[in-house]
Amino acid sequence: MRTITVICFGMLMVAGCAHKEPIIGVGVHEPKFGDYSRAEVEALRTSIAKLTFPVPEHTIVNMLPRPVDPFPVEFVDGFGSGPSGIDGGNAVEYWLNDRFVLKVATVYHTEGDKHFSLEEWAVILTRGERDHYTRRIY
């Protein structure tokens, strides 16, 4: 009986100490979560898979059925250090719900006096996948 009590007490201590790791971004403390269902997330994933990247800026956000606040996570200043015609870029996350995040990378381009941005890639990740996802912006 004493062994069972000790084991139960130990399990309660471990469960009480468990917590989710904080989500860290650029200049924002915590993201705001959307209320997308699993079916809506999968429909968005299918729509994104049909795109041929790069696409014009805001293409992905315009595909969202409901607005989700952007959560900036990475900025790259490529002025003078990136490939020719690229001036930098950023990666922004859109938390569709507390389990799925849409990550979009935008690259800033120049051609002479013309400046424009293109979305280079977009991916939907689970919260766990997001913690280990390391794809570069460009």
C-alpha atoms as a PDB file:
ATOM      1  CA  MET A   1       0.000   0.000   0.000  1.00  0.00           C
ATOM      2  CA  ARG A   2       2.818   2.372   0.892  1.00  0.00           C
ATOM      3  CA  THR A   3       4.486   1.713  -2.495  1.00  0.00           C
ATOM      4  CA  ILE A   4       1.289   2.573  -4.385  1.00  0.00           C
ATOM      5  CA  THR A   5       0.916   5.785  -2.371  1.00  0.00           C
ATOM      6  CA  VAL A   6       4.507   6.813  -3.134  1.00  0.00           C
ATOM      7  CA  ILE A   7       4.065   6.057  -6.854  1.00  0.00           C
ATOM      8  CA  CYS A   8       0.787   8.019  -7.019  1.00  0.00           C
ATOM      9  CA  PHE A   9       2.362  10.948  -5.173  1.00  0.00           C
ATOM     10  CA  GLY A  10       5.344  10.903  -7.563  1.00  0.00           C
ATOM     11  CA  MET A  11       3.047  10.905 -10.604  1.00  0.00           C
ATOM     12  CA  LEU A  12       1.117  13.873  -9.203  1.00  0.00           C
ATOM     13  CA  MET A  13       4.350  15.791  -8.646  1.00  0.00           C
ATOM     14  CA  VAL A  14       5.531  15.148 -12.209  1.00  0.00           C
ATOM     15  CA  ALA A  15       2.140  16.068 -13.711  1.00  0.00           C
ATOM     16  CA  GLY A  16       1.970  19.234 -11.617  1.00  0.00           C
ATOM     17  CA  CYS A  17       5.401  20.387 -12.794  1.00  0.00           C
ATOM     18  CA  ALA A  18       4.784  19.743 -16.504  1.00  0.00           C
ATOM     19  CA  HIS A  19       4.153  22.816 -18.667  1.00  0.00           C
ATOM     20  CA  LYS A  20       4.338  23.811 -22.318  1.00  0.00           C
ATOM     21  CA  GLU A  21       7.462  25.553 -23.507  1.00  0.00           C
ATOM     22  CA  PRO A  22       6.872  29.232 -24.332  1.00  0.00           C
ATOM     23  CA  ILE A  23       6.678  30.256 -27.974  1.00  0.00           C
ATOM     24  CA  ILE A  24       9.296  32.871 -28.796  1.00  0.00           C
ATOM     25  CA  GLY A  25       9.037  35.410 -31.608  1.00  0.00           C
ATOM     26  CA  VAL A  26      10.565  38.727 -32.638  1.00  0.00           C
ATOM     27  CA  GLY A  27       9.310  41.611 -30.506  1.00  0.00           C
ATOM     28  CA  VAL A  28       6.103  39.823 -29.475  1.00  0.00           C
ATOM     29  CA  HIS A  29       5.713  37.928 -26.236  1.00  0.00           C
ATOM     30  CA  GLU A  30       3.100  35.351 -27.219  1.00  0.00           C
ATOM     31  CA  PRO A  31       1.204  34.541 -30.394  1.00  0.00           C
ATOM     32  CA  LYS A  32      -2.563  34.778 -30.607  1.00  0.00           C
ATOM     33  CA  PHE A  33      -4.130  31.467 -31.554  1.00  0.00           C
ATOM     34  CA  GLY A  34      -6.805  31.167 -34.206  1.00  0.00           C
ATOM     35  CA  ASP A  35      -9.754  28.812 -33.937  1.00  0.00           C
ATOM     36  CA  TYR A  36      -9.231  26.728 -37.074  1.00  0.00           C
ATOM     37  CA  SER A  37     -10.573  23.173 -37.049  1.00  0.00           C
ATOM     38  CA  ARG A  38      -8.474  20.201 -38.170  1.00  0.00           C
ATOM     39  CA  ALA A  39     -10.499  20.061 -41.426  1.00  0.00           C
ATOM     40  CA  GLU A  40      -9.796  23.749 -42.151  1.00  0.00           C
ATOM     41  CA  VAL A  41      -6.078  23.217 -41.495  1.00  0.00           C
ATOM     42  CA  GLU A  42      -5.994  20.269 -43.903  1.00  0.00           C
ATOM     43  CA  ALA A  43      -7.934  22.213 -46.573  1.00  0.00           C
ATOM     44  CA  LEU A  44      -5.413  25.057 -46.294  1.00  0.00           C
ATOM     45  CA  ARG A  45      -2.515  22.585 -46.496  1.00  0.00           C
ATOM     46  CA  THR A  46      -4.014  21.168 -49.723  1.00  0.00           C
ATOM     47  CA  SER A  47      -4.441  24.653 -51.219  1.00  0.00           C
ATOM     48  CA  ILE A  48      -0.854  25.615 -50.405  1.00  0.00           C
ATOM     49  CA  ALA A  49       0.430  22.377 -51.971  1.00  0.00           C
ATOM     50  CA  LYS A  50      -1.144  23.421 -55.287  1.00  0.00           C
ATOM     51  CA  LEU A  51       0.890  26.652 -55.463  1.00  0.00           C
ATOM     52  CA  THR A  52       4.099  27.057 -57.447  1.00  0.00           C
ATOM     53  CA  PHE A  53       6.510  29.150 -55.385  1.00  0.00           C
ATOM     54  CA  PRO A  54       7.579  31.909 -55.328  1.00  0.00           C
ATOM     55  CA  VAL A  55       4.203  33.671 -55.277  1.00  0.00           C
ATOM     56  CA  PRO A  56       3.331  37.378 -54.871  1.00  0.00           C
ATOM     57  CA  GLU A  57       3.408  38.763 -51.342  1.00  0.00           C
ATOM     58  CA  HIS A  58       0.180  38.240 -49.322  1.00  0.00           C
ATOM     59  CA  THR A  59      -0.962  35.296 -51.468  1.00  0.00           C
ATOM     60  CA  ILE A  60      -0.951  32.920 -48.498  1.00  0.00           C
ATOM     61  CA  VAL A  61      -2.662  35.327 -46.078  1.00  0.00           C
ATOM     62  CA  ASN A  62      -5.382  35.946 -48.658  1.00  0.00           C
ATOM     63  CA  MET A  63      -6.042  32.187 -48.706  1.00  0.00           C
ATOM     64  CA  LEU A  64      -6.998  32.169 -45.011  1.00  0.00           C
ATOM     65  CA  PRO A  65     -10.767  31.915 -44.491  1.00  0.00           C
ATOM     66  CA  ARG A  66     -10.486  34.001 -41.295  1.00  0.00           C
ATOM     67  CA  PRO A  67      -7.793  36.465 -40.253  1.00  0.00           C
ATOM     68  CA  VAL A  68      -5.043  35.310 -37.901  1.00  0.00           C
ATOM     69  CA  ASP A  69      -2.581  37.722 -36.301  1.00  0.00           C
ATOM     70  CA  PRO A  70       0.957  37.425 -37.712  1.00  0.00           C
ATOM     71  CA  PHE A  71       3.734  36.396 -35.327  1.00  0.00           C
ATOM     72  CA  PRO A  72       7.174  37.470 -36.662  1.00  0.00           C
ATOM     73  CA  VAL A  73       9.900  34.944 -35.868  1.00  0.00           C
ATOM     74  CA  GLU A  74      12.889  35.780 -38.089  1.00  0.00           C
ATOM     75  CA  PHE A  75      14.332  38.707 -40.037  1.00  0.00           C
ATOM     76  CA  VAL A  76      17.303  38.591 -42.389  1.00  0.00           C
ATOM     77  CA  ASP A  77      19.051  41.703 -43.690  1.00  0.00           C
ATOM     78  CA  GLY A  78      20.597  40.575 -46.942  1.00  0.00           C
ATOM     79  CA  PHE A  79      21.794  43.958 -48.156  1.00  0.00           C
ATOM     80  CA  GLY A  80      25.144  43.290 -49.737  1.00  0.00           C
ATOM     81  CA  SER A  81      25.484  39.789 -48.299  1.00  0.00           C
ATOM     82  CA  GLY A  82      22.729  37.820 -50.018  1.00  0.00           C
ATOM     83  CA  PRO A  83      22.465  36.570 -53.566  1.00  0.00           C
ATOM     84  CA  SER A  84      22.286  39.239 -56.266  1.00  0.00           C
ATOM     85  CA  GLY A  85      18.914  40.971 -56.292  1.00  0.00           C
ATOM     86  CA  ILE A  86      17.934  39.880 -52.763  1.00  0.00           C
ATOM     87  CA  ASP A  87      17.845  42.462 -49.976  1.00  0.00           C
ATOM     88  CA  GLY A  88      16.657  40.264 -47.111  1.00  0.00           C
ATOM     89  CA  GLY A  89      13.523  38.621 -45.915  1.00  0.00           C
ATOM     90  CA  ASN A  90      11.398  37.510 -43.006  1.00  0.00           C
ATOM     91  CA  ALA A  91       9.529  34.523 -41.646  1.00  0.00           C
ATOM     92  CA  VAL A  92       6.140  34.995 -40.041  1.00  0.00           C
ATOM     93  CA  GLU A  93       3.955  32.463 -38.287  1.00  0.00           C
ATOM     94  CA  TYR A  94       0.182  32.350 -38.203  1.00  0.00           C
ATOM     95  CA  TRP A  95      -1.024  30.139 -35.351  1.00  0.00           C
ATOM     96  CA  LEU A  96      -4.132  28.510 -36.800  1.00  0.00           C
ATOM     97  CA  ASN A  97      -4.932  26.957 -33.417  1.00  0.00           C
ATOM     98  CA  ASP A  98      -2.899  25.833 -30.418  1.00  0.00           C
ATOM     99  CA  ARG A  99      -1.567  22.776 -32.322  1.00  0.00           C
ATOM    100  CA  PHE A 100      -0.933  23.963 -35.907  1.00  0.00           C
ATOM    101  CA  VAL A 101       1.099  26.875 -37.226  1.00  0.00           C
ATOM    102  CA  LEU A 102       1.411  28.247 -40.757  1.00  0.00           C
ATOM    103  CA  LYS A 103       4.935  29.557 -41.414  1.00  0.00           C
ATOM    104  CA  VAL A 104       5.509  31.860 -44.402  1.00  0.00           C
ATOM    105  CA  ALA A 105       8.868  33.144 -45.691  1.00  0.00           C
ATOM    106  CA  THR A 106       8.965  36.375 -47.675  1.00  0.00           C
ATOM    107  CA  VAL A 107      12.036  37.589 -49.572  1.00  0.00           C
ATOM    108  CA  TYR A 108      12.705  41.221 -50.557  1.00  0.00           C
ATOM    109  CA  HIS A 109      13.917  41.556 -54.158  1.00  0.00           C
ATOM    110  CA  THR A 110      15.370  44.374 -56.242  1.00  0.00           C
ATOM    111  CA  GLU A 111      15.781  44.678 -59.994  1.00  0.00           C
ATOM    112  CA  GLY A 112      17.359  48.037 -60.735  1.00  0.00           C
ATOM    113  CA  ASP A 113      15.018  50.636 -59.225  1.00  0.00           C
ATOM    114  CA  LYS A 114      12.180  48.148 -58.811  1.00  0.00           C
ATOM    115  CA  HIS A 115      11.613  46.719 -55.301  1.00  0.00           C
ATOM    116  CA  PHE A 116       9.170  43.884 -54.617  1.00  0.00           C
ATOM    117  CA  SER A 117       8.551  40.978 -52.266  1.00  0.00           C
ATOM    118  CA  LEU A 118       7.741  37.349 -53.000  1.00  0.00           C
ATOM    119  CA  GLU A 119       6.658  34.574 -50.691  1.00  0.00           C
ATOM    120  CA  GLU A 120       9.324  31.901 -51.212  1.00  0.00           C
ATOM    121  CA  TRP A 121       7.704  29.080 -49.264  1.00  0.00           C
ATOM    122  CA  ALA A 122       4.946  28.268 -46.799  1.00  0.00           C
ATOM    123  CA  VAL A 123       4.438  25.234 -44.603  1.00  0.00           C
ATOM    124  CA  ILE A 124       1.958  24.079 -41.977  1.00  0.00           C
ATOM    125  CA  LEU A 125       3.643  22.488 -38.969  1.00  0.00           C
ATOM    126  CA  THR A 126       2.537  20.956 -35.712  1.00  0.00           C
ATOM    127  CA  ARG A 127       3.707  22.656 -32.548  1.00  0.00           C
ATOM    128  CA  GLY A 128       6.347  19.941 -32.052  1.00  0.00           C
ATOM    129  CA  GLU A 129       7.573  20.120 -35.660  1.00  0.00           C
ATOM    130  CA  ARG A 130       7.864  23.899 -35.380  1.00  0.00           C
ATOM    131  CA  ASP A 131      10.361  23.585 -32.540  1.00  0.00           C
ATOM    132  CA  HIS A 132      12.792  21.699 -34.805  1.00  0.00           C
ATOM    133  CA  TYR A 133      12.072  23.281 -38.209  1.00  0.00           C
ATOM    134  CA  THR A 134      15.199  25.004 -39.542  1.00  0.00           C
ATOM    135  CA  ARG A 135      14.534  25.922 -43.177  1.00  0.00           C
ATOM    136  CA  ARG A 136      16.275  29.126 -44.233  1.00  0.00           C
ATOM    137  CA  ILE A 137      14.261  32.032 -45.623  1.00  0.00           C
ATOM    138  CA  TYR A 138      16.248  31.983 -48.883  1.00  0.00           C
END
